């Protein structure tokens, strides 16, 4: 079995674990574990921690240690250095808003599966030529929404997508109904005021509603 096959199968299994991947921004490290526990209690067991704050990589390590059955990945990866740092922190997968040649080469040279972002048919074709079959569609609503992905399914049917950007409970279903959508990404189940207040039961309830979308 080749490394490409392993990465493909791992990413397929990760994206298939639930209808929604929470996109998480950790500002206070003390929130990392209880937030992850609340989301997992609601049925969302694949978590994406974005590299938008200085404590993101440490948060990933803490979440993985506290919740070994959860799949914790890293988001907002912009370059090869960040991808390597994510692997060192124990991230199970990585997500980027786009794809460059340097990032694609780095992703294919190491074991952490990359979910790269695309916003056009040409970008999807370019990622496909690099052997990447699971892609993030970002920013989903601004780049054409579910109608775009529906059109893409008929011409490039061997790609699977995780749309992210502008997705919430009102429109997630239109994406999840498409044959080329594995799951969606979003942060609506993690309201900032609930996180700041430590209202973990409320977040669990929102996560449970999200996990029941499909």
N, C-alpha and C. Protein backbone atom coordinates (compact mmCIF):
# COMPACT_ATOMS: atom_id res chain seq x y z
N UNK A 1 0.84 -1.19 0.00
CA UNK A 1 0.00 0.00 0.00
C UNK A 1 0.88 1.25 0.00
N UNK A 2 0.64 2.18 -0.92
CA UNK A 2 1.46 3.37 -1.05
C UNK A 2 1.07 4.41 0.01
N UNK A 3 1.99 5.38 0.21
CA UNK A 3 1.71 6.47 1.15
C UNK A 3 0.49 7.25 0.68
N UNK A 4 0.36 7.46 -0.66
CA UNK A 4 -0.78 8.20 -1.19
C UNK A 4 -2.09 7.49 -0.85
N UNK A 5 -2.11 6.16 -0.95
CA UNK A 5 -3.32 5.40 -0.63
C UNK A 5 -3.66 5.52 0.84
N UNK A 6 -2.64 5.43 1.69
CA UNK A 6 -2.86 5.55 3.13
C UNK A 6 -3.44 6.92 3.46
N UNK A 7 -2.84 7.98 2.91
CA UNK A 7 -3.34 9.33 3.16
C UNK A 7 -4.78 9.47 2.69
N UNK A 8 -5.05 8.95 1.50
CA UNK A 8 -6.40 9.03 0.93
C UNK A 8 -7.40 8.32 1.83
N UNK A 9 -7.08 7.10 2.23
CA UNK A 9 -8.00 6.32 3.06
C UNK A 9 -8.19 6.95 4.43
N UNK A 10 -7.11 7.48 5.00
CA UNK A 10 -7.20 8.12 6.32
C UNK A 10 -8.09 9.35 6.27
N UNK A 11 -7.91 10.17 5.24
CA UNK A 11 -8.72 11.38 5.12
C UNK A 11 -10.18 11.03 4.84
N UNK A 12 -10.41 10.03 4.01
CA UNK A 12 -11.78 9.60 3.73
C UNK A 12 -12.48 9.14 5.00
N UNK A 13 -11.78 8.37 5.82
CA UNK A 13 -12.36 7.89 7.08
C UNK A 13 -12.61 9.04 8.04
N UNK A 14 -11.69 10.00 8.08
CA UNK A 14 -11.84 11.16 8.97
C UNK A 14 -13.06 11.99 8.58
N UNK A 15 -13.18 12.32 7.31
CA UNK A 15 -14.29 13.15 6.86
C UNK A 15 -15.62 12.42 6.96
N UNK A 16 -15.58 11.10 6.95
CA UNK A 16 -16.80 10.32 7.01
C UNK A 16 -17.32 10.06 8.41
N UNK A 17 -16.63 10.55 9.44
CA UNK A 17 -17.04 10.25 10.82
C UNK A 17 -18.27 11.04 11.26
N UNK A 18 -18.58 12.11 10.59
CA UNK A 18 -19.75 12.90 10.99
C UNK A 18 -20.05 13.95 9.96
N UNK A 19 -21.23 14.57 10.03
CA UNK A 19 -21.61 15.55 9.00
C UNK A 19 -20.92 16.90 9.13
N UNK A 20 -20.39 17.20 10.32
CA UNK A 20 -19.83 18.53 10.55
C UNK A 20 -18.49 18.42 11.28
N UNK A 21 -17.52 19.19 10.80
CA UNK A 21 -16.25 19.35 11.51
C UNK A 21 -16.23 20.75 12.14
N UNK A 22 -16.21 20.85 13.47
CA UNK A 22 -16.13 22.17 14.09
C UNK A 22 -14.79 22.84 13.77
N UNK A 23 -14.87 24.10 13.39
CA UNK A 23 -13.68 24.91 13.12
C UNK A 23 -13.45 25.77 14.35
N UNK A 24 -12.37 25.46 15.07
CA UNK A 24 -12.17 25.98 16.43
C UNK A 24 -11.04 27.01 16.47
N UNK A 25 -11.30 28.11 17.16
CA UNK A 25 -10.26 29.10 17.46
C UNK A 25 -10.09 29.12 18.98
N UNK A 26 -8.90 28.74 19.44
CA UNK A 26 -8.62 28.73 20.89
C UNK A 26 -7.84 29.98 21.26
N UNK A 27 -8.47 30.84 22.04
CA UNK A 27 -7.81 32.06 22.51
C UNK A 27 -7.23 31.87 23.91
N UNK A 28 -7.94 31.10 24.72
CA UNK A 28 -7.52 30.83 26.10
C UNK A 28 -7.25 29.33 26.20
N UNK A 29 -6.01 28.97 26.50
CA UNK A 29 -5.63 27.56 26.51
C UNK A 29 -6.46 26.74 27.50
N UNK A 30 -6.94 27.37 28.55
CA UNK A 30 -7.73 26.64 29.55
C UNK A 30 -9.07 26.18 28.99
N UNK A 31 -9.49 26.74 27.86
CA UNK A 31 -10.75 26.34 27.25
C UNK A 31 -10.59 25.12 26.34
N UNK A 32 -9.38 24.77 25.99
CA UNK A 32 -9.15 23.76 24.96
C UNK A 32 -9.80 22.42 25.30
N UNK A 33 -9.49 21.87 26.43
CA UNK A 33 -9.99 20.53 26.79
C UNK A 33 -11.49 20.53 27.06
N UNK A 34 -12.03 21.44 27.90
CA UNK A 34 -13.47 21.40 28.12
C UNK A 34 -14.29 21.67 26.86
N UNK A 35 -13.79 22.50 25.96
CA UNK A 35 -14.48 22.73 24.70
C UNK A 35 -14.49 21.46 23.85
N UNK A 36 -13.34 20.82 23.75
CA UNK A 36 -13.27 19.57 22.99
C UNK A 36 -14.18 18.51 23.60
N UNK A 37 -14.20 18.42 24.92
CA UNK A 37 -15.06 17.45 25.60
C UNK A 37 -16.54 17.74 25.31
N UNK A 38 -16.90 19.00 25.29
CA UNK A 38 -18.29 19.37 25.03
C UNK A 38 -18.71 19.00 23.61
N UNK A 39 -17.82 19.23 22.66
CA UNK A 39 -18.13 18.91 21.26
C UNK A 39 -18.23 17.40 21.06
N UNK A 40 -17.31 16.66 21.63
CA UNK A 40 -17.32 15.21 21.51
C UNK A 40 -18.56 14.63 22.20
N UNK A 41 -18.94 15.18 23.34
CA UNK A 41 -20.15 14.73 24.03
C UNK A 41 -21.39 14.92 23.17
N UNK A 42 -21.35 15.92 22.29
CA UNK A 42 -22.46 16.16 21.37
C UNK A 42 -22.40 15.36 20.09
N UNK A 43 -21.35 14.53 19.97
CA UNK A 43 -21.26 13.66 18.81
C UNK A 43 -20.33 14.11 17.71
N UNK A 44 -19.65 15.24 17.90
CA UNK A 44 -18.70 15.73 16.90
C UNK A 44 -17.30 15.31 17.34
N UNK A 45 -16.77 14.29 16.71
CA UNK A 45 -15.51 13.68 17.17
C UNK A 45 -14.31 14.02 16.30
N UNK A 46 -14.52 14.80 15.24
CA UNK A 46 -13.42 15.29 14.42
C UNK A 46 -13.34 16.80 14.63
N UNK A 47 -12.21 17.29 15.11
CA UNK A 47 -12.06 18.69 15.50
C UNK A 47 -10.93 19.34 14.73
N UNK A 48 -11.17 20.54 14.23
CA UNK A 48 -10.14 21.31 13.52
C UNK A 48 -9.79 22.54 14.33
N UNK A 49 -8.56 22.60 14.82
CA UNK A 49 -8.08 23.75 15.59
C UNK A 49 -7.26 24.63 14.66
N UNK A 50 -7.70 25.84 14.44
CA UNK A 50 -7.04 26.71 13.47
C UNK A 50 -5.79 27.37 14.06
N UNK A 51 -4.84 27.62 13.18
CA UNK A 51 -3.61 28.29 13.59
C UNK A 51 -3.77 29.81 13.56
N UNK A 52 -4.81 30.28 14.22
CA UNK A 52 -5.08 31.72 14.24
C UNK A 52 -4.66 32.37 15.55
N UNK A 53 -4.21 31.54 16.49
CA UNK A 53 -3.75 32.06 17.77
C UNK A 53 -2.44 31.37 18.15
N UNK A 54 -1.64 32.00 19.02
CA UNK A 54 -0.34 31.43 19.38
C UNK A 54 -0.43 30.10 20.14
N UNK A 55 -1.60 29.79 20.73
CA UNK A 55 -1.70 28.59 21.56
C UNK A 55 -2.30 27.40 20.82
N UNK A 56 -2.51 27.54 19.52
CA UNK A 56 -3.23 26.50 18.77
C UNK A 56 -2.55 25.14 18.83
N UNK A 57 -1.25 25.09 18.59
CA UNK A 57 -0.56 23.80 18.57
C UNK A 57 -0.55 23.15 19.95
N UNK A 58 -0.39 23.96 20.99
CA UNK A 58 -0.43 23.41 22.35
C UNK A 58 -1.83 22.89 22.67
N UNK A 59 -2.85 23.59 22.16
CA UNK A 59 -4.22 23.15 22.37
C UNK A 59 -4.47 21.79 21.73
N UNK A 60 -3.90 21.58 20.54
CA UNK A 60 -4.05 20.30 19.86
C UNK A 60 -3.47 19.18 20.70
N UNK A 61 -2.28 19.41 21.23
CA UNK A 61 -1.64 18.39 22.05
C UNK A 61 -2.47 18.07 23.30
N UNK A 62 -3.02 19.09 23.93
CA UNK A 62 -3.84 18.88 25.12
C UNK A 62 -5.13 18.12 24.80
N UNK A 63 -5.76 18.48 23.69
CA UNK A 63 -6.99 17.79 23.28
C UNK A 63 -6.73 16.32 22.98
N UNK A 64 -5.64 16.06 22.28
CA UNK A 64 -5.33 14.67 21.93
C UNK A 64 -5.07 13.84 23.18
N UNK A 65 -4.38 14.42 24.15
CA UNK A 65 -4.09 13.69 25.38
C UNK A 65 -5.35 13.42 26.20
N UNK A 66 -6.26 14.39 26.22
CA UNK A 66 -7.48 14.25 27.03
C UNK A 66 -8.54 13.41 26.35
N UNK A 67 -8.54 13.40 25.01
CA UNK A 67 -9.59 12.70 24.25
C UNK A 67 -8.96 11.83 23.17
N UNK A 68 -8.38 10.72 23.56
CA UNK A 68 -7.65 9.89 22.59
C UNK A 68 -8.53 9.30 21.49
N UNK A 69 -9.84 9.24 21.71
CA UNK A 69 -10.73 8.70 20.68
C UNK A 69 -11.19 9.74 19.68
N UNK A 70 -10.91 11.01 19.96
CA UNK A 70 -11.25 12.07 19.02
C UNK A 70 -10.15 12.20 17.97
N UNK A 71 -10.50 12.76 16.82
CA UNK A 71 -9.52 13.04 15.77
C UNK A 71 -9.31 14.55 15.75
N UNK A 72 -8.13 14.98 16.10
CA UNK A 72 -7.84 16.41 16.23
C UNK A 72 -6.87 16.82 15.12
N UNK A 73 -7.31 17.75 14.31
CA UNK A 73 -6.48 18.25 13.22
C UNK A 73 -6.19 19.73 13.37
N UNK A 74 -5.44 20.25 12.43
CA UNK A 74 -5.03 21.65 12.46
C UNK A 74 -5.55 22.35 11.20
N UNK A 75 -6.02 23.58 11.38
CA UNK A 75 -6.52 24.36 10.25
C UNK A 75 -5.72 25.62 10.01
N UNK A 76 -6.03 26.28 8.91
CA UNK A 76 -5.36 27.52 8.49
C UNK A 76 -3.86 27.31 8.31
N UNK A 77 -3.49 26.17 7.75
CA UNK A 77 -2.08 25.89 7.43
C UNK A 77 -1.74 26.61 6.13
N UNK A 78 -0.73 27.46 6.16
CA UNK A 78 -0.40 28.29 5.00
C UNK A 78 0.89 27.91 4.30
N UNK A 79 1.75 27.14 4.97
CA UNK A 79 3.04 26.83 4.36
C UNK A 79 3.59 25.52 4.91
N UNK A 80 4.71 25.09 4.34
CA UNK A 80 5.32 23.81 4.72
C UNK A 80 5.78 23.82 6.17
N UNK A 81 6.27 24.96 6.66
CA UNK A 81 6.75 25.04 8.02
C UNK A 81 5.61 24.78 9.02
N UNK A 82 4.46 25.36 8.76
CA UNK A 82 3.31 25.15 9.64
C UNK A 82 2.82 23.71 9.56
N UNK A 83 2.89 23.12 8.38
CA UNK A 83 2.49 21.73 8.23
C UNK A 83 3.40 20.81 9.05
N UNK A 84 4.68 21.09 9.01
CA UNK A 84 5.64 20.30 9.79
C UNK A 84 5.39 20.48 11.29
N UNK A 85 5.13 21.72 11.72
CA UNK A 85 4.87 21.99 13.13
C UNK A 85 3.60 21.28 13.59
N UNK A 86 2.60 21.22 12.72
CA UNK A 86 1.36 20.52 13.05
C UNK A 86 1.60 19.03 13.24
N UNK A 87 2.43 18.47 12.37
CA UNK A 87 2.77 17.05 12.50
C UNK A 87 3.50 16.80 13.82
N UNK A 88 4.41 17.69 14.17
CA UNK A 88 5.16 17.55 15.42
C UNK A 88 4.23 17.64 16.64
N UNK A 89 3.15 18.42 16.51
CA UNK A 89 2.21 18.58 17.62
C UNK A 89 1.24 17.41 17.72
N UNK A 90 1.29 16.52 16.73
CA UNK A 90 0.44 15.34 16.77
C UNK A 90 -0.89 15.49 16.05
N UNK A 91 -1.02 16.51 15.19
CA UNK A 91 -2.26 16.68 14.44
C UNK A 91 -2.52 15.47 13.55
N UNK A 92 -3.76 15.03 13.50
CA UNK A 92 -4.11 13.85 12.70
C UNK A 92 -4.38 14.20 11.24
N UNK A 93 -4.66 15.46 10.98
CA UNK A 93 -4.87 15.93 9.61
C UNK A 93 -4.63 17.43 9.59
N UNK A 94 -4.48 17.99 8.40
CA UNK A 94 -4.24 19.42 8.26
C UNK A 94 -5.17 19.99 7.20
N UNK A 95 -5.58 21.23 7.39
CA UNK A 95 -6.49 21.90 6.47
C UNK A 95 -5.88 23.24 6.08
N UNK A 96 -5.92 23.55 4.79
CA UNK A 96 -5.40 24.84 4.33
C UNK A 96 -6.48 25.56 3.55
N UNK A 97 -6.46 26.90 3.56
CA UNK A 97 -7.47 27.65 2.81
C UNK A 97 -7.26 27.61 1.30
N UNK A 98 -6.04 27.27 0.88
CA UNK A 98 -5.71 27.17 -0.54
C UNK A 98 -4.60 26.15 -0.73
N UNK A 99 -3.99 26.17 -1.90
CA UNK A 99 -2.92 25.21 -2.18
C UNK A 99 -1.86 25.84 -3.07
N UNK A 100 -0.60 25.79 -2.60
CA UNK A 100 0.54 26.22 -3.41
C UNK A 100 1.37 25.01 -3.78
N UNK A 101 2.25 25.17 -4.76
CA UNK A 101 3.12 24.06 -5.14
C UNK A 101 3.98 23.60 -3.98
N UNK A 102 4.51 24.56 -3.21
CA UNK A 102 5.37 24.21 -2.08
C UNK A 102 4.60 23.44 -1.01
N UNK A 103 3.37 23.86 -0.72
CA UNK A 103 2.57 23.18 0.29
C UNK A 103 2.17 21.79 -0.19
N UNK A 104 1.81 21.67 -1.46
CA UNK A 104 1.45 20.36 -2.02
C UNK A 104 2.63 19.40 -1.94
N UNK A 105 3.82 19.87 -2.29
CA UNK A 105 5.00 19.02 -2.24
C UNK A 105 5.30 18.58 -0.82
N UNK A 106 5.16 19.51 0.14
CA UNK A 106 5.40 19.17 1.55
C UNK A 106 4.39 18.15 2.04
N UNK A 107 3.13 18.32 1.62
CA UNK A 107 2.08 17.41 2.07
C UNK A 107 2.31 16.00 1.54
N UNK A 108 2.78 15.89 0.31
CA UNK A 108 2.99 14.57 -0.28
C UNK A 108 4.26 13.90 0.23
N UNK A 109 5.10 14.68 0.95
CA UNK A 109 6.36 14.13 1.46
C UNK A 109 6.26 13.67 2.91
N UNK A 110 5.13 13.89 3.57
CA UNK A 110 5.00 13.48 4.97
C UNK A 110 3.65 12.81 5.17
N UNK A 111 3.41 12.33 6.38
CA UNK A 111 2.30 11.41 6.62
C UNK A 111 0.98 12.06 7.01
N UNK A 112 1.00 13.30 7.47
CA UNK A 112 -0.25 13.93 7.89
C UNK A 112 -1.08 14.30 6.66
N UNK A 113 -2.28 13.77 6.51
CA UNK A 113 -3.09 14.08 5.32
C UNK A 113 -3.47 15.55 5.28
N UNK A 114 -3.40 16.14 4.09
CA UNK A 114 -3.76 17.54 3.90
C UNK A 114 -5.09 17.65 3.16
N UNK A 115 -5.97 18.49 3.69
CA UNK A 115 -7.22 18.85 3.02
C UNK A 115 -7.05 20.27 2.50
N UNK A 116 -6.65 20.43 1.24
CA UNK A 116 -6.37 21.76 0.72
C UNK A 116 -7.62 22.47 0.22
N UNK A 117 -7.61 23.78 0.33
CA UNK A 117 -8.75 24.55 -0.12
C UNK A 117 -8.69 24.87 -1.60
N UNK A 118 -9.87 24.84 -2.24
CA UNK A 118 -10.01 25.27 -3.63
C UNK A 118 -11.26 26.14 -3.73
N UNK A 119 -11.30 27.00 -4.75
CA UNK A 119 -12.48 27.84 -4.96
C UNK A 119 -12.93 27.86 -6.41
N UNK A 120 -12.19 27.18 -7.31
CA UNK A 120 -12.55 27.15 -8.72
C UNK A 120 -12.35 25.75 -9.28
N UNK A 121 -12.91 25.52 -10.47
CA UNK A 121 -12.73 24.22 -11.14
C UNK A 121 -11.27 24.00 -11.48
N UNK A 122 -10.57 25.04 -11.91
CA UNK A 122 -9.16 24.90 -12.26
C UNK A 122 -8.32 24.51 -11.05
N UNK A 123 -8.61 25.10 -9.91
CA UNK A 123 -7.88 24.75 -8.69
C UNK A 123 -8.18 23.31 -8.27
N UNK A 124 -9.41 22.88 -8.46
CA UNK A 124 -9.77 21.49 -8.15
C UNK A 124 -9.01 20.53 -9.06
N UNK A 125 -8.91 20.88 -10.34
CA UNK A 125 -8.19 20.03 -11.29
C UNK A 125 -6.70 19.98 -10.96
N UNK A 126 -6.15 21.11 -10.55
CA UNK A 126 -4.72 21.16 -10.20
C UNK A 126 -4.43 20.29 -8.98
N UNK A 127 -5.30 20.36 -7.98
CA UNK A 127 -5.12 19.51 -6.79
C UNK A 127 -5.26 18.04 -7.17
N UNK A 128 -6.20 17.74 -8.04
CA UNK A 128 -6.41 16.36 -8.48
C UNK A 128 -5.17 15.82 -9.20
N UNK A 129 -4.51 16.66 -9.99
CA UNK A 129 -3.29 16.23 -10.70
C UNK A 129 -2.17 15.91 -9.72
N UNK A 130 -2.21 16.49 -8.53
CA UNK A 130 -1.21 16.19 -7.51
C UNK A 130 -1.60 14.97 -6.68
N UNK A 131 -2.70 14.32 -7.03
CA UNK A 131 -3.13 13.13 -6.31
C UNK A 131 -4.01 13.42 -5.11
N UNK A 132 -4.46 14.66 -4.98
CA UNK A 132 -5.30 15.05 -3.85
C UNK A 132 -6.76 14.94 -4.26
N UNK A 133 -7.50 14.05 -3.63
CA UNK A 133 -8.88 13.78 -4.02
C UNK A 133 -9.91 14.31 -3.02
N UNK A 134 -9.47 14.65 -1.82
CA UNK A 134 -10.36 15.23 -0.81
C UNK A 134 -9.96 16.70 -0.63
N UNK A 135 -10.91 17.59 -0.85
CA UNK A 135 -10.61 19.01 -0.89
C UNK A 135 -11.57 19.81 -0.03
N UNK A 136 -11.08 20.93 0.45
CA UNK A 136 -11.92 21.90 1.15
C UNK A 136 -12.42 22.90 0.10
N UNK A 137 -13.72 23.18 0.09
CA UNK A 137 -14.27 24.21 -0.79
C UNK A 137 -14.43 25.47 0.05
N UNK A 138 -13.61 26.47 -0.25
CA UNK A 138 -13.55 27.66 0.60
C UNK A 138 -13.25 28.90 -0.23
N UNK A 139 -13.90 30.04 0.04
CA UNK A 139 -15.01 30.22 0.98
C UNK A 139 -16.32 29.80 0.31
N UNK A 140 -16.97 28.80 0.84
CA UNK A 140 -18.04 28.10 0.15
C UNK A 140 -19.16 29.01 -0.35
N UNK A 141 -19.77 29.76 0.51
CA UNK A 141 -20.90 30.59 0.09
C UNK A 141 -20.46 31.68 -0.89
N UNK A 142 -19.33 32.31 -0.61
CA UNK A 142 -18.86 33.38 -1.48
C UNK A 142 -18.39 32.88 -2.84
N UNK A 143 -17.98 31.61 -2.91
CA UNK A 143 -17.41 31.06 -4.15
C UNK A 143 -18.42 30.30 -5.00
N UNK A 144 -19.69 30.36 -4.66
CA UNK A 144 -20.68 29.72 -5.50
C UNK A 144 -21.61 28.77 -4.79
N UNK A 145 -21.30 28.44 -3.55
CA UNK A 145 -22.21 27.65 -2.74
C UNK A 145 -22.46 26.24 -3.24
N UNK A 146 -23.57 25.68 -2.79
CA UNK A 146 -23.92 24.30 -3.13
C UNK A 146 -24.14 24.13 -4.64
N UNK A 147 -24.61 25.17 -5.31
CA UNK A 147 -24.83 25.07 -6.76
C UNK A 147 -23.52 24.83 -7.50
N UNK A 148 -22.45 25.46 -7.04
CA UNK A 148 -21.14 25.25 -7.67
C UNK A 148 -20.70 23.80 -7.51
N UNK A 149 -20.80 23.28 -6.30
CA UNK A 149 -20.36 21.90 -6.05
C UNK A 149 -21.24 20.91 -6.80
N UNK A 150 -22.51 21.19 -6.91
CA UNK A 150 -23.40 20.32 -7.67
C UNK A 150 -22.98 20.26 -9.13
N UNK A 151 -22.61 21.40 -9.69
CA UNK A 151 -22.14 21.44 -11.08
C UNK A 151 -20.83 20.69 -11.23
N UNK A 152 -19.95 20.83 -10.24
CA UNK A 152 -18.63 20.18 -10.31
C UNK A 152 -18.75 18.66 -10.23
N UNK A 153 -19.77 18.17 -9.53
CA UNK A 153 -19.93 16.73 -9.35
C UNK A 153 -20.10 16.00 -10.67
N UNK A 154 -20.70 16.66 -11.65
CA UNK A 154 -20.97 15.98 -12.92
C UNK A 154 -19.75 15.92 -13.83
N UNK A 155 -18.78 16.80 -13.61
CA UNK A 155 -17.62 16.83 -14.51
C UNK A 155 -16.34 16.29 -13.86
N UNK A 156 -16.25 16.36 -12.54
CA UNK A 156 -15.11 15.77 -11.82
C UNK A 156 -15.69 14.93 -10.68
N UNK A 157 -16.25 13.78 -10.99
CA UNK A 157 -17.01 13.02 -9.98
C UNK A 157 -16.17 12.31 -8.94
N UNK A 158 -14.83 12.23 -9.14
CA UNK A 158 -14.01 11.48 -8.19
C UNK A 158 -13.41 12.34 -7.09
N UNK A 159 -13.91 13.55 -6.92
CA UNK A 159 -13.46 14.42 -5.84
C UNK A 159 -14.51 14.49 -4.74
N UNK A 160 -14.06 14.56 -3.49
CA UNK A 160 -14.95 14.73 -2.35
C UNK A 160 -14.59 16.02 -1.63
N UNK A 161 -15.60 16.73 -1.15
CA UNK A 161 -15.37 18.06 -0.60
C UNK A 161 -15.88 18.20 0.84
N UNK A 162 -15.20 19.10 1.55
CA UNK A 162 -15.66 19.60 2.84
C UNK A 162 -15.83 21.11 2.68
N UNK A 163 -17.03 21.58 2.35
CA UNK A 163 -17.24 23.02 2.19
C UNK A 163 -17.18 23.74 3.53
N UNK A 164 -16.56 24.90 3.54
CA UNK A 164 -16.42 25.71 4.75
C UNK A 164 -16.47 27.18 4.35
N UNK A 165 -17.11 27.98 5.18
CA UNK A 165 -17.18 29.41 4.92
C UNK A 165 -18.60 29.86 4.66
N UNK A 166 -19.23 30.44 5.67
CA UNK A 166 -20.60 30.91 5.52
C UNK A 166 -21.64 29.82 5.68
N UNK A 167 -21.25 28.69 6.26
CA UNK A 167 -22.18 27.57 6.42
C UNK A 167 -22.69 27.52 7.86
N UNK A 168 -23.98 27.31 7.98
CA UNK A 168 -24.63 27.20 9.29
C UNK A 168 -25.78 26.23 9.20
N UNK A 169 -26.56 26.11 10.26
CA UNK A 169 -27.65 25.14 10.27
C UNK A 169 -28.70 25.37 9.19
N UNK A 170 -28.84 26.62 8.72
CA UNK A 170 -29.86 26.91 7.72
C UNK A 170 -29.51 26.41 6.33
N UNK A 171 -28.21 26.33 6.01
CA UNK A 171 -27.83 25.92 4.66
C UNK A 171 -26.96 24.68 4.61
N UNK A 172 -26.57 24.13 5.76
CA UNK A 172 -25.70 22.94 5.75
C UNK A 172 -26.35 21.77 5.02
N UNK A 173 -27.64 21.61 5.17
CA UNK A 173 -28.33 20.49 4.54
C UNK A 173 -28.23 20.49 3.03
N UNK A 174 -28.21 21.68 2.41
CA UNK A 174 -28.12 21.75 0.95
C UNK A 174 -26.77 21.24 0.45
N UNK A 175 -25.73 21.39 1.26
CA UNK A 175 -24.41 20.85 0.92
C UNK A 175 -24.36 19.34 1.19
N UNK A 176 -24.84 18.95 2.35
CA UNK A 176 -24.74 17.54 2.75
C UNK A 176 -25.55 16.62 1.86
N UNK A 177 -26.52 17.17 1.14
CA UNK A 177 -27.33 16.36 0.23
C UNK A 177 -26.61 16.04 -1.07
N UNK A 178 -25.47 16.69 -1.33
CA UNK A 178 -24.75 16.49 -2.59
C UNK A 178 -23.90 15.22 -2.53
N UNK A 179 -23.78 14.50 -3.64
CA UNK A 179 -23.01 13.26 -3.64
C UNK A 179 -21.51 13.45 -3.47
N UNK A 180 -21.00 14.65 -3.77
CA UNK A 180 -19.56 14.88 -3.66
C UNK A 180 -19.18 15.65 -2.39
N UNK A 181 -20.08 15.73 -1.43
CA UNK A 181 -19.79 16.38 -0.15
C UNK A 181 -19.71 15.33 0.95
N UNK A 182 -18.53 15.23 1.56
CA UNK A 182 -18.32 14.26 2.65
C UNK A 182 -18.82 14.80 3.98
N UNK A 183 -18.63 16.11 4.18
CA UNK A 183 -19.04 16.76 5.42
C UNK A 183 -18.91 18.25 5.19
N UNK A 184 -19.30 19.05 6.17
CA UNK A 184 -19.11 20.49 6.09
C UNK A 184 -18.32 20.95 7.30
N UNK A 185 -17.73 22.12 7.19
CA UNK A 185 -17.02 22.71 8.32
C UNK A 185 -17.69 23.99 8.75
N UNK A 186 -17.69 24.25 10.04
CA UNK A 186 -18.31 25.48 10.52
C UNK A 186 -18.04 25.70 12.00
N UNK A 187 -18.43 26.86 12.48
CA UNK A 187 -18.18 27.20 13.88
C UNK A 187 -19.44 27.67 14.59
N UNK A 188 -20.61 27.45 13.96
CA UNK A 188 -21.83 27.95 14.58
C UNK A 188 -22.15 27.27 15.91
N UNK A 189 -21.62 26.07 16.13
CA UNK A 189 -21.89 25.38 17.40
C UNK A 189 -20.92 25.78 18.51
N UNK A 190 -20.06 26.77 18.20
CA UNK A 190 -19.08 27.24 19.18
C UNK A 190 -19.21 28.76 19.34
N UNK A 191 -20.34 29.26 19.78
CA UNK A 191 -20.48 30.72 19.95
C UNK A 191 -19.43 31.25 20.93
N UNK A 192 -18.82 32.34 20.57
CA UNK A 192 -17.73 32.89 21.38
C UNK A 192 -18.20 33.22 22.79
N UNK A 193 -19.43 33.73 22.92
CA UNK A 193 -19.90 34.09 24.27
C UNK A 193 -20.08 32.86 25.15
N UNK A 194 -20.49 31.74 24.54
CA UNK A 194 -20.63 30.50 25.32
C UNK A 194 -19.26 29.99 25.76
N UNK A 195 -18.28 30.08 24.87
CA UNK A 195 -16.92 29.64 25.22
C UNK A 195 -16.38 30.50 26.35
N UNK A 196 -16.52 31.81 26.22
CA UNK A 196 -15.99 32.71 27.24
C UNK A 196 -16.65 32.48 28.60
N UNK A 197 -17.94 32.11 28.56
CA UNK A 197 -18.68 31.89 29.81
C UNK A 197 -18.52 30.47 30.34
N UNK A 198 -17.87 29.59 29.58
CA UNK A 198 -17.73 28.21 29.99
C UNK A 198 -19.06 27.47 29.97
N UNK A 199 -19.94 27.84 29.05
CA UNK A 199 -21.26 27.21 28.96
C UNK A 199 -21.14 25.94 28.10
N UNK A 200 -20.48 24.94 28.66
CA UNK A 200 -20.17 23.73 27.89
C UNK A 200 -21.40 22.90 27.58
N UNK A 201 -22.38 22.90 28.47
CA UNK A 201 -23.61 22.15 28.21
C UNK A 201 -24.35 22.71 27.00
N UNK A 202 -24.34 24.03 26.87
CA UNK A 202 -24.97 24.65 25.72
C UNK A 202 -24.27 24.29 24.43
N UNK A 203 -22.95 24.24 24.47
CA UNK A 203 -22.18 23.87 23.28
C UNK A 203 -22.43 22.40 22.93
N UNK A 204 -22.54 21.55 23.94
CA UNK A 204 -22.86 20.14 23.68
C UNK A 204 -24.21 20.02 22.98
N UNK A 205 -25.19 20.80 23.40
CA UNK A 205 -26.50 20.77 22.77
C UNK A 205 -26.43 21.21 21.30
N UNK A 206 -25.68 22.27 21.04
CA UNK A 206 -25.50 22.72 19.65
C UNK A 206 -24.76 21.69 18.82
N UNK A 207 -23.77 21.04 19.42
CA UNK A 207 -23.02 20.01 18.72
C UNK A 207 -23.92 18.81 18.39
N UNK A 208 -24.78 18.46 19.33
CA UNK A 208 -25.69 17.34 19.10
C UNK A 208 -26.63 17.63 17.94
N UNK A 209 -27.10 18.86 17.86
CA UNK A 209 -27.97 19.25 16.73
C UNK A 209 -27.20 19.19 15.42
N UNK A 210 -25.95 19.62 15.44
CA UNK A 210 -25.13 19.57 14.23
C UNK A 210 -24.84 18.14 13.80
N UNK A 211 -24.58 17.27 14.77
CA UNK A 211 -24.24 15.90 14.44
C UNK A 211 -25.43 15.13 13.88
N UNK A 212 -26.64 15.67 14.06
CA UNK A 212 -27.85 15.01 13.57
C UNK A 212 -28.28 15.55 12.21
N UNK A 213 -27.48 16.41 11.61
CA UNK A 213 -27.89 17.03 10.34
C UNK A 213 -28.01 16.04 9.20
N UNK A 214 -27.21 14.98 9.20
CA UNK A 214 -27.34 13.98 8.12
C UNK A 214 -27.96 12.72 8.71
